[in-house]
Amino acid sequence: MIIHQDKIIKMNVIKYDKLDNYAQMLNAITQKILMREVQERK
């Protein structure tokens, strides 16, 4: 039972890692877009 829970936790950690990377990527993209808009307005 403990081993089973450990596997689930590890799987969830990997999922969250991937989600975190995805979120960081999206943040970087949105920042680039915002920077472009700011530069175009000047």
PDB file of N, CA and C in Angstrom:
ATOM      1  N   MET A   1       0.840  -1.211   0.000  1.00  0.00           N
ATOM      2  CA  MET A   1       0.000   0.000   0.000  1.00  0.00           C
ATOM      3  C   MET A   1       0.875   1.261   0.000  1.00  0.00           C
ATOM      4  N   ILE A   2       1.882   1.269   0.862  1.00  0.00           N
ATOM      5  CA  ILE A   2       2.775   2.437   0.933  1.00  0.00           C
ATOM      6  C   ILE A   2       3.520   2.603  -0.393  1.00  0.00           C
ATOM      7  N   ILE A   3       3.989   1.474  -0.943  1.00  0.00           N
ATOM      8  CA  ILE A   3       4.719   1.531  -2.219  1.00  0.00           C
ATOM      9  C   ILE A   3       3.808   2.082  -3.316  1.00  0.00           C
ATOM     10  N   HIS A   4       2.562   1.630  -3.333  1.00  0.00           N
ATOM     11  CA  HIS A   4       1.592   2.091  -4.331  1.00  0.00           C
ATOM     12  C   HIS A   4       1.409   3.606  -4.237  1.00  0.00           C
ATOM     13  N   GLN A   5       1.232   4.114  -3.016  1.00  0.00           N
ATOM     14  CA  GLN A   5       1.066   5.560  -2.827  1.00  0.00           C
ATOM     15  C   GLN A   5       2.305   6.313  -3.304  1.00  0.00           C
ATOM     16  N   ASP A   6       3.483   5.762  -3.026  1.00  0.00           N
ATOM     17  CA  ASP A   6       4.743   6.390  -3.425  1.00  0.00           C
ATOM     18  C   ASP A   6       4.795   6.530  -4.944  1.00  0.00           C
ATOM     19  N   LYS A   7       4.388   5.474  -5.655  1.00  0.00           N
ATOM     20  CA  LYS A   7       4.372   5.524  -7.129  1.00  0.00           C
ATOM     21  C   LYS A   7       3.451   6.643  -7.605  1.00  0.00           C
ATOM     22  N   ILE A   8       2.264   6.733  -7.016  1.00  0.00           N
ATOM     23  CA  ILE A   8       1.293   7.767  -7.418  1.00  0.00           C
ATOM     24  C   ILE A   8       1.884   9.152  -7.175  1.00  0.00           C
ATOM     25  N   ILE A   9       2.524   9.336  -6.017  1.00  0.00           N
ATOM     26  CA  ILE A   9       3.121  10.645  -5.699  1.00  0.00           C
ATOM     27  C   ILE A   9       4.186  10.993  -6.732  1.00  0.00           C
ATOM     28  N   LYS A  10       5.044  10.030  -7.060  1.00  0.00           N
ATOM     29  CA  LYS A  10       6.095  10.290  -8.046  1.00  0.00           C
ATOM     30  C   LYS A  10       5.499  10.663  -9.395  1.00  0.00           C
ATOM     31  N   MET A  11       4.448   9.949  -9.800  1.00  0.00           N
ATOM     32  CA  MET A  11       3.786  10.250 -11.071  1.00  0.00           C
ATOM     33  C   MET A  11       3.227  11.667 -11.056  1.00  0.00           C
ATOM     34  N   ASN A  12       2.605  12.037  -9.943  1.00  0.00           N
ATOM     35  CA  ASN A  12       2.038  13.380  -9.826  1.00  0.00           C
ATOM     36  C   ASN A  12       3.123  14.449  -9.868  1.00  0.00           C
ATOM     37  N   VAL A  13       4.252  14.182  -9.233  1.00  0.00           N
ATOM     38  CA  VAL A  13       5.370  15.135  -9.245  1.00  0.00           C
ATOM     39  C   VAL A  13       5.840  15.349 -10.680  1.00  0.00           C
ATOM     40  N   ILE A  14       5.955  14.256 -11.434  1.00  0.00           N
ATOM     41  CA  ILE A  14       6.379  14.375 -12.838  1.00  0.00           C
ATOM     42  C   ILE A  14       5.356  15.196 -13.621  1.00  0.00           C
ATOM     43  N   LYS A  15       4.070  14.932 -13.403  1.00  0.00           N
ATOM     44  CA  LYS A  15       3.010  15.697 -14.084  1.00  0.00           C
ATOM     45  C   LYS A  15       3.136  17.177 -13.779  1.00  0.00           C
ATOM     46  N   TYR A  16       3.322  17.499 -12.482  1.00  0.00           N
ATOM     47  CA  TYR A  16       3.413  18.910 -12.094  1.00  0.00           C
ATOM     48  C   TYR A  16       4.662  19.547 -12.675  1.00  0.00           C
ATOM     49  N   ASP A  17       5.755  18.781 -12.761  1.00  0.00           N
ATOM     50  CA  ASP A  17       6.983  19.284 -13.371  1.00  0.00           C
ATOM     51  C   ASP A  17       6.720  19.709 -14.809  1.00  0.00           C
ATOM     52  N   LYS A  18       6.049  18.836 -15.565  1.00  0.00           N
ATOM     53  CA  LYS A  18       5.745  19.132 -16.966  1.00  0.00           C
ATOM     54  C   LYS A  18       4.833  20.356 -17.057  1.00  0.00           C
ATOM     55  N   LEU A  19       3.833  20.407 -16.179  1.00  0.00           N
ATOM     56  CA  LEU A  19       2.910  21.551 -16.183  1.00  0.00           C
ATOM     57  C   LEU A  19       3.657  22.839 -15.874  1.00  0.00           C
ATOM     58  N   ASP A  20       4.594  22.767 -14.938  1.00  0.00           N
ATOM     59  CA  ASP A  20       5.376  23.941 -14.553  1.00  0.00           C
ATOM     60  C   ASP A  20       6.205  24.427 -15.732  1.00  0.00           C
ATOM     61  N   ASN A  21       6.847  23.486 -16.437  1.00  0.00           N
ATOM     62  CA  ASN A  21       7.629  23.859 -17.613  1.00  0.00           C
ATOM     63  C   ASN A  21       6.734  24.515 -18.656  1.00  0.00           C
ATOM     64  N   TYR A  22       5.542  23.957 -18.860  1.00  0.00           N
ATOM     65  CA  TYR A  22       4.591  24.486 -19.824  1.00  0.00           C
ATOM     66  C   TYR A  22       4.170  25.905 -19.432  1.00  0.00           C
ATOM     67  N   ALA A  23       3.904  26.089 -18.137  1.00  0.00           N
ATOM     68  CA  ALA A  23       3.500  27.406 -17.648  1.00  0.00           C
ATOM     69  C   ALA A  23       4.615  28.423 -17.851  1.00  0.00           C
ATOM     70  N   GLN A  24       5.840  28.036 -17.580  1.00  0.00           N
ATOM     71  CA  GLN A  24       6.981  28.942 -17.769  1.00  0.00           C
ATOM     72  C   GLN A  24       7.124  29.320 -19.239  1.00  0.00           C
ATOM     73  N   MET A  25       6.919  28.334 -20.116  1.00  0.00           N
ATOM     74  CA  MET A  25       6.989  28.587 -21.550  1.00  0.00           C
ATOM     75  C   MET A  25       5.926  29.604 -21.960  1.00  0.00           C
ATOM     76  N   LEU A  26       4.696  29.378 -21.504  1.00  0.00           N
ATOM     77  CA  LEU A  26       3.602  30.303 -21.828  1.00  0.00           C
ATOM     78  C   LEU A  26       3.903  31.697 -21.293  1.00  0.00           C
ATOM     79  N   ASN A  27       4.456  31.779 -20.086  1.00  0.00           N
ATOM     80  CA  ASN A  27       4.816  33.072 -19.511  1.00  0.00           C
ATOM     81  C   ASN A  27       5.825  33.785 -20.391  1.00  0.00           C
ATOM     82  N   ALA A  28       6.844  33.065 -20.831  1.00  0.00           N
ATOM     83  CA  ALA A  28       7.879  33.652 -21.678  1.00  0.00           C
ATOM     84  C   ALA A  28       7.266  34.166 -22.974  1.00  0.00           C
ATOM     85  N   ILE A  29       6.366  33.379 -23.563  1.00  0.00           N
ATOM     86  CA  ILE A  29       5.723  33.786 -24.821  1.00  0.00           C
ATOM     87  C   ILE A  29       4.882  35.040 -24.612  1.00  0.00           C
ATOM     88  N   THR A  30       4.075  35.056 -23.554  1.00  0.00           N
ATOM     89  CA  THR A  30       3.223  36.232 -23.319  1.00  0.00           C
ATOM     90  C   THR A  30       4.077  37.464 -23.043  1.00  0.00           C
ATOM     91  N   GLN A  31       5.181  37.293 -22.330  1.00  0.00           N
ATOM     92  CA  GLN A  31       6.069  38.429 -22.060  1.00  0.00           C
ATOM     93  C   GLN A  31       6.636  38.988 -23.357  1.00  0.00           C
ATOM     94  N   LYS A  32       7.037  38.090 -24.263  1.00  0.00           N
ATOM     95  CA  LYS A  32       7.571  38.534 -25.560  1.00  0.00           C
ATOM     96  C   LYS A  32       6.516  39.321 -26.320  1.00  0.00           C
ATOM     97  N   ILE A  33       5.297  38.810 -26.343  1.00  0.00           N
ATOM     98  CA  ILE A  33       4.200  39.485 -27.054  1.00  0.00           C
ATOM     99  C   ILE A  33       3.959  40.859 -26.444  1.00  0.00           C
ATOM    100  N   LEU A  34       3.909  40.930 -25.113  1.00  0.00           N
ATOM    101  CA  LEU A  34       3.681  42.206 -24.436  1.00  0.00           C
ATOM    102  C   LEU A  34       4.804  43.190 -24.752  1.00  0.00           C
ATOM    103  N   MET A  35       6.040  42.718 -24.723  1.00  0.00           N
ATOM    104  CA  MET A  35       7.184  43.581 -25.024  1.00  0.00           C
ATOM    105  C   MET A  35       7.058  44.146 -26.441  1.00  0.00           C
ATOM    106  N   ARG A  36       6.662  43.295 -27.379  1.00  0.00           N
ATOM    107  CA  ARG A  36       6.498  43.731 -28.772  1.00  0.00           C
ATOM    108  C   ARG A  36       5.443  44.831 -28.866  1.00  0.00           C
ATOM    109  N   GLU A  37       4.318  44.611 -28.181  1.00  0.00           N
ATOM    110  CA  GLU A  37       3.234  45.612 -28.218  1.00  0.00           C
ATOM    111  C   GLU A  37       3.718  46.934 -27.644  1.00  0.00           C
ATOM    112  N   VAL A  38       4.458  46.875 -26.548  1.00  0.00           N
ATOM    113  CA  VAL A  38       4.969  48.097 -25.918  1.00  0.00           C
ATOM    114  C   VAL A  38       5.907  48.820 -26.883  1.00  0.00           C
ATOM    115  N   GLN A  39       6.793  48.081 -27.540  1.00  0.00           N
ATOM    116  CA  GLN A  39       7.744  48.693 -28.476  1.00  0.00           C
ATOM    117  C   GLN A  39       7.023  49.309 -29.668  1.00  0.00           C
ATOM    118  N   GLU A  40       5.976  48.650 -30.150  1.00  0.00           N
ATOM    119  CA  GLU A  40       5.248  49.170 -31.311  1.00  0.00           C
ATOM    120  C   GLU A  40       4.519  50.468 -30.973  1.00  0.00           C
ATOM    121  N   ARG A  41       4.094  50.611 -29.718  1.00  0.00           N
ATOM    122  CA  ARG A  41       3.354  51.818 -29.321  1.00  0.00           C
ATOM    123  C   ARG A  41       4.253  53.048 -29.260  1.00  0.00           C
ATOM    124  N   LYS A  42       5.534  52.841 -28.988  1.00  0.00           N
ATOM    125  CA  LYS A  42       6.453  53.986 -28.832  1.00  0.00           C
ATOM    126  C   LYS A  42       6.624  54.737 -30.150  1.00  0.00           C
TER     127      LYS A  42
END
